[in-house]
Protein backbone atom coordinates (compact mmCIF):
# COMPACT_ATOMS: atom_id res chain seq x y z
CA MET A 1 0.19 116.30 -76.16
CA GLU A 2 2.34 119.54 -76.94
CA LYS A 3 2.12 121.92 -73.98
CA VAL A 4 0.51 125.50 -74.66
CA ASP A 5 1.07 128.34 -71.90
CA LEU A 6 -2.54 128.72 -71.07
CA SER A 7 -5.85 126.52 -71.55
CA ILE A 8 -8.96 128.42 -71.04
CA ILE A 9 -11.93 126.03 -70.25
CA ILE A 10 -15.53 127.52 -70.58
CA LEU A 11 -18.33 125.52 -69.33
CA SER A 12 -21.63 126.57 -71.00
CA TYR A 13 -25.29 125.76 -70.18
CA ASN A 14 -28.08 127.81 -71.94
CA THR A 15 -26.09 131.14 -72.13
CA LYS A 16 -25.86 131.52 -76.12
CA GLU A 17 -25.59 135.41 -76.04
CA LEU A 18 -23.53 135.56 -73.10
CA LEU A 19 -21.29 132.77 -74.29
CA ARG A 20 -20.80 135.08 -77.51
CA LYS A 21 -19.77 137.93 -75.69
CA CYS A 22 -17.42 136.04 -73.57
CA LEU A 23 -15.75 134.72 -76.62
CA GLU A 24 -15.58 138.05 -78.34
CA SER A 25 -13.77 139.55 -75.29
CA LEU A 26 -11.19 136.63 -75.36
CA VAL A 27 -10.71 137.13 -79.02
CA LEU A 28 -9.91 141.02 -78.30
CA SER A 29 -7.63 139.80 -75.41
CA ILE A 30 -5.64 137.06 -77.21
CA LYS A 31 -4.78 139.54 -79.93
CA LYS A 32 -3.49 142.32 -77.90
CA GLN A 33 -0.06 142.12 -76.07
CA ALA A 34 2.69 139.88 -75.00
CA CYS A 35 3.14 138.58 -71.39
CA PRO A 36 5.09 141.19 -69.54
CA LEU A 37 7.45 138.77 -68.20
CA THR A 38 8.16 136.38 -71.15
CA ARG A 39 7.92 139.24 -73.67
CA ARG A 40 6.14 137.08 -75.92
CA VAL A 41 2.41 136.36 -77.06
CA LEU A 42 1.26 133.53 -75.09
CA ARG A 43 0.47 130.12 -76.65
CA MET A 44 -3.23 129.64 -75.83
CA GLU A 45 -6.07 127.43 -76.56
CA ILE A 46 -10.04 127.64 -75.67
CA VAL A 47 -11.81 124.52 -74.62
CA VAL A 48 -15.61 125.06 -74.81
CA VAL A 49 -17.49 122.33 -73.06
CA ASP A 50 -21.33 122.75 -73.76
CA ASN A 51 -23.33 121.08 -70.95
CA GLY A 52 -26.41 119.76 -72.86
CA SER A 53 -27.71 123.23 -73.82
CA THR A 54 -31.17 123.74 -75.48
CA ASP A 55 -31.24 127.43 -76.32
CA GLY A 56 -29.26 127.17 -79.56
CA SER A 57 -25.90 127.32 -78.20
CA ARG A 58 -24.75 124.08 -79.69
CA GLU A 59 -25.93 125.40 -83.15
CA TYR A 60 -24.16 128.74 -82.57
CA LEU A 61 -20.89 126.90 -81.65
CA LYS A 62 -20.94 124.78 -84.68
CA SER A 63 -21.78 127.47 -87.06
CA GLN A 64 -19.10 129.56 -85.86
CA ASN A 65 -16.46 126.84 -85.32
CA SER A 66 -14.39 127.84 -88.20
CA ASN A 67 -14.60 131.71 -87.71
CA LEU A 68 -13.79 131.07 -84.18
CA LYS A 69 -10.71 128.93 -84.86
CA THR A 70 -9.51 131.74 -87.27
CA LYS A 71 -9.72 134.12 -84.56
CA THR A 72 -8.25 132.29 -81.75
CA GLN A 73 -4.93 130.34 -81.54
CA ASN A 74 -6.68 127.03 -80.86
CA LEU A 75 -10.26 125.99 -80.22
CA LYS A 76 -11.68 122.86 -79.00
CA LEU A 77 -15.64 122.33 -78.87
CA ILE A 78 -16.98 119.54 -76.69
CA PHE A 79 -20.83 118.66 -76.60
CA ASN A 80 -22.15 116.80 -73.69
CA GLN A 81 -25.52 115.17 -74.30
CA GLU A 82 -26.95 116.18 -70.98
CA ASN A 83 -26.14 118.71 -68.00
CA LEU A 84 -23.53 116.95 -66.26
CA GLY A 85 -23.12 119.82 -63.55
CA TYR A 86 -20.40 122.29 -62.97
CA ALA A 87 -17.75 119.86 -61.46
CA LYS A 88 -18.16 117.11 -64.00
CA GLY A 89 -18.48 119.35 -66.92
CA ASN A 90 -15.14 121.17 -66.13
CA ASN A 91 -13.43 117.75 -65.53
CA VAL A 92 -14.42 116.77 -69.14
CA GLY A 93 -12.89 120.06 -70.31
CA LEU A 94 -9.49 119.21 -68.15
CA LYS A 95 -9.02 116.00 -70.13
CA GLU A 96 -8.54 118.15 -73.35
CA ALA A 97 -6.50 120.87 -71.81
CA SER A 98 -2.66 120.95 -72.22
CA GLY A 99 -1.75 124.39 -70.56
CA ARG A 100 0.88 124.97 -68.10
CA TYR A 101 -1.75 127.07 -66.70
CA ILE A 102 -5.40 126.48 -66.69
CA LEU A 103 -8.17 129.09 -66.43
CA PHE A 104 -11.70 127.99 -65.52
CA LEU A 105 -13.79 130.80 -66.98
CA ASN A 106 -17.85 131.25 -66.75
CA SER A 107 -19.52 131.67 -69.98
CA ASP A 108 -21.44 134.64 -68.50
CA THR A 109 -18.11 136.75 -68.04
CA GLU A 110 -16.36 139.20 -70.02
CA ILE A 111 -12.67 139.97 -69.69
CA VAL A 112 -10.57 143.09 -69.98
CA PRO A 113 -8.03 142.88 -72.96
CA GLY A 114 -4.49 142.11 -71.76
CA SER A 115 -5.93 140.39 -68.67
CA LEU A 116 -4.66 136.86 -69.67
CA GLU A 117 -0.97 137.99 -70.21
CA GLU A 118 -1.14 140.08 -66.94
CA VAL A 119 -2.21 137.33 -64.55
CA VAL A 120 -0.12 134.59 -66.30
CA GLY A 121 2.83 136.99 -66.02
CA TYR A 122 2.19 137.58 -62.16
CA MET A 123 2.06 133.77 -61.66
CA GLU A 124 5.51 133.23 -63.51
CA ASP A 125 6.77 135.59 -61.00
CA HIS A 126 5.30 134.39 -57.85
CA GLN A 127 5.84 130.53 -57.93
CA ASP A 128 4.18 129.94 -54.44
CA VAL A 129 0.83 131.11 -55.80
CA GLY A 130 -1.30 128.11 -56.78
CA ALA A 131 -4.71 129.87 -57.66
CA LEU A 132 -5.39 133.41 -58.51
CA THR A 133 -8.83 135.16 -58.95
CA PRO A 134 -9.09 139.00 -59.95
CA LYS A 135 -11.48 141.42 -58.50
CA THR A 136 -14.53 140.77 -60.28
CA LEU A 137 -17.33 143.37 -60.91
CA LEU A 138 -21.08 142.87 -61.38
CA ALA A 139 -23.18 144.38 -64.25
CA ASN A 140 -24.21 147.24 -61.60
CA GLY A 141 -20.54 148.14 -61.22
CA LYS A 142 -20.13 146.71 -57.75
CA MET A 143 -17.81 144.10 -56.84
CA ASP A 144 -18.85 140.57 -56.81
CA PRO A 145 -18.38 139.53 -53.14
CA ASP A 146 -17.78 135.85 -53.94
CA CYS A 147 -14.36 136.66 -55.57
CA HIS A 148 -13.03 137.48 -52.05
CA ARG A 149 -14.28 134.78 -49.42
CA GLY A 150 -13.00 133.30 -46.21
CA PHE A 151 -14.03 129.68 -45.46
CA PRO A 152 -17.49 129.03 -44.19
CA THR A 153 -16.40 127.96 -40.69
CA PRO A 154 -19.52 127.74 -38.15
CA TRP A 155 -18.75 131.13 -36.80
CA ALA A 156 -18.31 132.77 -40.27
CA SER A 157 -21.32 131.48 -41.48
CA ILE A 158 -23.59 132.22 -38.44
CA THR A 159 -22.41 135.87 -38.57
CA TYR A 160 -23.02 135.99 -42.32
CA PHE A 161 -26.55 134.66 -42.12
CA LEU A 162 -27.47 136.60 -39.25
CA GLY A 163 -26.53 139.79 -41.07
CA LEU A 164 -23.84 140.80 -38.73
CA GLU A 165 -21.16 140.89 -41.43
CA LYS A 166 -23.58 143.47 -43.34
CA LEU A 167 -23.82 145.58 -40.43
CA PHE A 168 -20.16 145.65 -39.45
CA PRO A 169 -18.46 144.99 -42.90
CA LYS A 170 -15.01 146.08 -41.53
CA SER A 171 -14.89 143.88 -38.51
CA LYS A 172 -12.47 141.33 -38.35
CA PHE A 173 -14.59 139.66 -35.73
CA PHE A 174 -17.91 139.43 -37.67
CA GLY A 175 -16.58 139.63 -41.32
CA GLN A 176 -14.97 136.32 -41.68
CA TYR A 177 -17.07 134.97 -44.37
CA HIS A 178 -16.00 137.74 -47.17
CA LYS A 179 -13.18 139.23 -45.08
CA PHE A 180 -13.78 142.79 -46.29
CA TYR A 181 -11.64 144.07 -43.63
CA LEU A 182 -8.62 143.43 -45.76
CA ASN A 183 -7.63 146.15 -48.24
CA LEU A 184 -9.32 145.35 -51.62
CA GLU A 185 -7.06 147.73 -53.44
CA GLU A 186 -4.01 145.48 -52.84
CA ASN A 187 -3.10 141.85 -53.95
CA HIS A 188 -3.35 139.48 -51.07
CA GLU A 189 -3.83 136.15 -50.07
CA ILE A 190 -7.22 134.95 -49.45
CA ASP A 191 -9.01 131.58 -48.47
CA ALA A 192 -11.27 131.41 -51.73
CA GLY A 193 -12.23 133.19 -54.73
CA ALA A 194 -14.97 132.47 -57.07
CA GLY A 195 -15.11 129.93 -59.88
CA ALA A 196 -16.03 132.54 -62.55
CA PHE A 197 -12.32 133.16 -63.09
CA MET A 198 -10.09 130.62 -61.48
CA LEU A 199 -6.49 130.47 -62.88
CA ILE A 200 -4.32 127.26 -61.60
CA ARG A 201 -1.15 125.91 -62.49
CA ASP A 202 -1.19 122.52 -64.04
CA GLU A 203 0.58 120.97 -61.22
CA ILE A 204 -2.32 121.64 -59.06
CA VAL A 205 -4.45 119.11 -60.99
CA LYS A 206 -1.60 116.58 -60.46
CA LYS A 207 -1.14 117.21 -56.72
CA VAL A 208 -4.75 118.05 -55.70
CA GLY A 209 -6.82 116.26 -58.29
CA VAL A 210 -9.78 117.19 -60.51
CA TRP A 211 -12.96 118.76 -59.28
CA ASP A 212 -15.02 116.66 -56.84
CA GLU A 213 -18.05 115.46 -58.87
CA SER A 214 -20.16 114.89 -55.52
CA TYR A 215 -21.22 118.59 -56.17
CA PHE A 216 -23.63 119.30 -58.99
CA PHE A 217 -23.65 122.97 -58.69
CA TYR A 218 -22.48 125.33 -56.23
CA GLY A 219 -19.65 124.51 -53.62
CA GLU A 220 -17.37 122.85 -55.95
CA ASP A 221 -15.12 126.04 -56.34
CA LEU A 222 -14.94 126.50 -52.55
CA ASP A 223 -13.98 122.68 -52.32
CA TYR A 224 -11.14 123.28 -54.74
CA TYR A 225 -9.81 126.26 -53.26
CA TYR A 226 -9.77 124.48 -49.76
CA ARG A 227 -7.70 121.40 -51.32
CA ILE A 228 -5.37 123.89 -52.81
CA LYS A 229 -4.82 125.52 -49.57
CA GLN A 230 -4.54 122.15 -47.79
CA ALA A 231 -1.44 121.26 -50.40
CA GLY A 232 0.24 124.36 -49.24
CA TYR A 233 -0.20 126.86 -52.09
CA LYS A 234 -1.42 130.30 -51.72
CA VAL A 235 -4.80 131.49 -53.38
CA LEU A 236 -4.45 135.20 -54.31
CA PHE A 237 -6.86 137.97 -54.76
CA TYR A 238 -5.64 140.14 -57.63
CA ALA A 239 -6.96 143.59 -56.75
CA LYS A 240 -7.19 144.90 -60.24
CA PRO A 241 -10.66 144.61 -61.96
CA LEU A 242 -10.19 142.33 -64.92
CA LEU A 243 -13.52 140.82 -65.21
CA LEU A 244 -17.33 141.47 -65.76
CA HIS A 245 -19.61 138.77 -64.42
CA TYR A 246 -23.31 138.48 -65.28
CA LYS A 247 -23.85 136.25 -62.10
CA GLY A 248 -26.27 133.57 -62.07
CA ALA A 249 -27.19 133.47 -65.65
CA SER A 250 -27.31 129.69 -65.73
CA SER A 251 -28.96 128.90 -62.57
CA GLY A 252 -31.61 131.80 -62.58
CA LEU A 253 -31.29 132.21 -58.95
CA ARG A 254 -29.57 135.58 -58.67
CA LYS A 255 -31.54 138.65 -58.74
CA GLU A 256 -28.52 140.36 -60.59
CA SER A 257 -29.26 138.31 -63.72
CA LYS A 258 -32.86 137.64 -63.44
CA ASP A 259 -33.63 139.70 -66.62
CA ILE A 260 -31.24 137.97 -68.84
CA SER A 261 -31.43 134.28 -67.43
CA ARG A 262 -33.10 131.73 -69.59
CA ALA A 263 -33.11 129.30 -66.65
CA SER A 264 -36.49 127.30 -66.40
CA ARG A 265 -38.64 126.82 -63.25
CA GLU A 266 -37.29 123.07 -63.20
CA THR A 267 -33.63 124.15 -63.54
CA ARG A 268 -34.07 126.76 -60.73
CA VAL A 269 -35.45 124.38 -58.47
CA LYS A 270 -32.78 121.84 -59.32
CA VAL A 271 -30.06 124.02 -58.76
CA ALA A 272 -31.49 125.38 -55.58
CA LYS A 273 -31.52 121.75 -54.16
CA ALA A 274 -28.07 121.25 -55.44
CA SER A 275 -26.90 124.58 -53.53
CA VAL A 276 -28.18 122.91 -50.33
CA GLY A 277 -26.57 119.85 -50.87
CA ALA A 278 -23.33 121.38 -51.63
CA MET A 279 -23.22 123.21 -48.24
CA GLU A 280 -23.95 119.84 -46.42
CA ILE A 281 -21.29 118.06 -48.65
CA PHE A 282 -18.56 120.66 -47.77
CA TYR A 283 -19.36 120.58 -43.97
CA LYS A 284 -19.25 116.98 -43.70
CA LYS A 285 -16.15 116.73 -45.89
CA PHE A 286 -13.86 119.38 -44.27
CA TYR A 287 -15.48 120.28 -40.90
CA LYS A 288 -17.24 117.35 -39.38
CA ASP A 289 -14.28 116.07 -37.29
CA LEU A 290 -13.11 119.44 -36.41
CA TYR A 291 -16.05 120.48 -34.19
CA PRO A 292 -18.25 118.68 -31.68
CA SER A 293 -21.21 116.78 -32.78
CA TRP A 294 -23.89 119.10 -31.20
CA LEU A 295 -22.37 121.99 -33.42
CA THR A 296 -22.22 119.85 -36.44
CA PHE A 297 -25.99 119.08 -35.85
CA LEU A 298 -26.95 122.68 -35.39
CA VAL A 299 -25.02 123.52 -38.61
CA LEU A 300 -26.54 121.00 -40.81
CA GLU A 301 -30.15 121.55 -39.43
CA ALA A 302 -29.60 125.39 -40.20
CA ILE A 303 -28.41 124.55 -43.76
CA ARG A 304 -31.63 122.45 -44.16
CA ILE A 305 -33.83 124.93 -43.09
CA LYS A 306 -32.36 127.77 -45.05
CA GLY A 307 -32.60 125.30 -47.86
CA TRP A 308 -36.16 124.58 -47.65
CA PHE A 309 -36.90 128.24 -48.00
CA ARG A 310 -34.58 128.64 -51.00
CA ILE A 311 -36.39 125.72 -52.74
CA LEU A 312 -39.90 126.75 -51.87
CA LYS A 313 -39.09 130.31 -53.36
CA GLN A 314 -38.28 128.71 -56.53
CA GLU A 315 -41.01 126.41 -56.62
CA LEU A 316 -43.64 129.22 -56.01
CA GLN A 317 -42.24 131.35 -58.71
């Protein structure tokens, strides 16, 4: 398979209109400018993986296939027969990706024209960076906090869930969950970004592996960032706003996107349960042997209690 410069993998589940906007933003970006480092237009491919949508997304993609192929450099469409989850769905896309760089991009996003050339150029010039995530804006204009995260150690999690980080957002002691005490106007290394825009080198897949399919939804991006750091690469927060994120459109759990989400009650409950399971999977996988058994017991119980309320909330809606 001939290598291209960048493979963009978009996993979509019941986000037809948002997917359309996402692809339109990519078309505008792809046509704009050359990479500032290589001085040439990047060779790109877009791999859209539909995860068993029932909202007309599949029909839209099929009807626009020829048109989209004309407007983009290379387009590949994959239609899963059911919702395989975020990790497994992205792994399906990875099998078709041939880029030196791979961008995992959420279908509920819109990128700023020229962004792709800009961040690939940065990665070309900083070979120690294994993954990059940019400052991401929500529909209300505020920064998505999940694009700038620390790892959820017991202390970081406790201070976050007790609201201490919110009370002291610039405190290094209480603010380990999102690390907002760092300068958000400058590029710097972080523990983890979000999966909404996750740019990695193809060598990461060879050295770290693919997404962990133990996760169905939530947690899988944090897991991947953790393994990238374990492999000795930097994860970079790119401080320039390059992305608009209609967060939670697929899951239906986020208040930011409740008016545009088409997620059914069944989907919301399923995702709520998966999010609780994701926290348990991550903790047991990476932290269980690092902390005493009594602390592990307390953390897992806290996760289950919080999860019970999250699931109950969705069941009652």
